[in-house]
Amino acid sequence: MWIETFNEMRRQSGMSLDELSEKSGVPKGTLSKITSGITKAPSLETMKSLVYAMGYSLKDLDDGISDYNFFTPLEQSIIKKYRVLDEHGKEAVDGLLDTEYKRYQKIQETITISSSVSTIKGNTAPLQEQKIIYLPEPIQSASAGTGQIADDDTAEQVAVYYNEKTAKADYIMRVSGDSMEPKFMDGDRVLVRSQPAVEIGEIGIFIVDGEQYVKIYRGSYLESLNPQYNNIEVSERSFCRGKVIGVLEPEWIAE
């Protein structure tokens, strides 16, 4: 158990509780509860502070570094829920987790470029660095009309400037049709965040009977903003491909 290893570390360091508390910044009361075993799940940051103060690393705790007790209460709750899911549920969680991980990695791997130099009355403005990220844009559009046949077309990588909206997006989708006017016009490119469901009243990308739509989710049906179009009933075979964040503004495109 990690607690025995930790107490042995403290014994070998020759540090008293007072000394370890002062050097690590961990309150003596908290430290006392950990060493006595009263605290079963100390935070990882607390343990880092303690072992570093004694001249050790978390790896020196052996199995303690991967011990379940080192997860936060929220992480423990997530693990418990995940373990009782069926295969379908686990696949859904894995898919969303992979999407979010890739989104985060994409942000971390952003490159910077220098924006063009602007000249005002002969004065040259200083160069400003702007982050760029790449978002895939499927060749096929999403229907804002009667439907577009959905398939697995290849996607083009589009360079866009990093901002609050583009950072949340996983891909770009071009709108086809006028059923979502005036919010989305025919030919607009929208930012989409991949997720398996949206809340009632939110706009998403949906597959219904093999056709792809951008519509408002109403629970049992999909609604258009243009009153000239009828509602589309959803079935068990219908599914959501993502939530529409907003329009990709032309000035956000880096190329």
Foldseek 3Di string as FASTA:
>chain_A
DLLVLLVVLCVVLVDDLVRLCVQLVPDSVVVVCSNVVVQQADEPSSVQSRQVSSVHGPVSSPCVVVDPSHDDPVVNVVVVVLVPDDPVVVVQVVVLVVLVVVLVVQVVPWDKDWDDWDADPNDTDDTDIWTKGWAWEFPDAAELADFDQDDDGGTDIFIFTDDPQQSQARHKHFYADDQAPPQHHHGWIWGWHFHWDDDQQFWFWKAAPRTIHTFGHHPQWTHTPRPVDDIGGHDPPMITGTTTRGTDDPVRTPD
